Amino acid sequence: MPFQYSPEFRLQLCERMLAGERISSLAEEFSLSVSALARFCGGF
């Protein structure tokens, strides 16, 4: 079963991205792929 992040965590990442942080910087900080972050924010 794949690991699932909480909706709160995903929302926090999306808020940071919408506030202007680069998606690549967030991906590196949290060891996620850029495509995973894009999927996270597509759900909100």
Protein backbone atom coordinates (compact mmCIF):
# COMPACT_ATOMS: atom_id res chain seq x y z
CA MET A 1 0.00 0.00 0.00
CA PRO A 2 1.51 3.37 -1.01
CA PHE A 3 2.20 5.97 1.64
CA GLN A 4 -0.49 8.66 1.90
CA TYR A 5 0.08 12.17 3.21
CA SER A 6 -2.57 13.80 5.37
CA PRO A 7 -4.88 16.37 3.78
CA GLU A 8 -3.51 18.97 6.22
CA PHE A 9 0.06 18.35 5.06
CA ARG A 10 -0.97 18.51 1.41
CA LEU A 11 -2.89 21.74 1.99
CA GLN A 12 0.09 23.31 3.75
CA LEU A 13 2.33 22.48 0.77
CA CYS A 14 -0.21 23.91 -1.67
CA GLU A 15 -0.56 27.10 0.34
CA ARG A 16 3.21 27.56 0.35
CA MET A 17 3.33 26.97 -3.40
CA LEU A 18 0.52 29.44 -4.03
CA ALA A 19 2.31 31.97 -1.81
CA GLY A 20 5.16 31.94 -4.31
CA GLU A 21 7.59 29.27 -3.17
CA ARG A 22 9.10 27.32 -6.02
CA ILE A 23 7.67 23.84 -6.43
CA SER A 24 11.17 22.46 -6.97
CA SER A 25 12.34 23.93 -3.65
CA LEU A 26 9.39 22.41 -1.80
CA ALA A 27 9.94 19.06 -3.50
CA GLU A 28 13.57 19.04 -2.40
CA GLU A 29 12.76 20.17 1.15
CA PHE A 30 10.23 17.37 1.68
CA SER A 31 11.92 14.72 -0.53
CA LEU A 32 8.96 14.58 -2.90
CA SER A 33 8.82 14.62 -6.67
CA VAL A 34 7.65 17.72 -8.48
CA SER A 35 4.91 15.65 -10.09
CA ALA A 36 3.66 14.48 -6.67
CA LEU A 37 3.36 18.10 -5.51
CA ALA A 38 1.52 19.02 -8.69
CA ARG A 39 -0.94 16.17 -8.02
CA PHE A 40 -1.37 17.31 -4.40
CA CYS A 41 -2.34 20.79 -5.45
CA GLY A 42 -4.62 19.56 -8.19
CA GLY A 43 -6.80 18.00 -5.49
CA PHE A 44 -7.55 21.28 -3.73
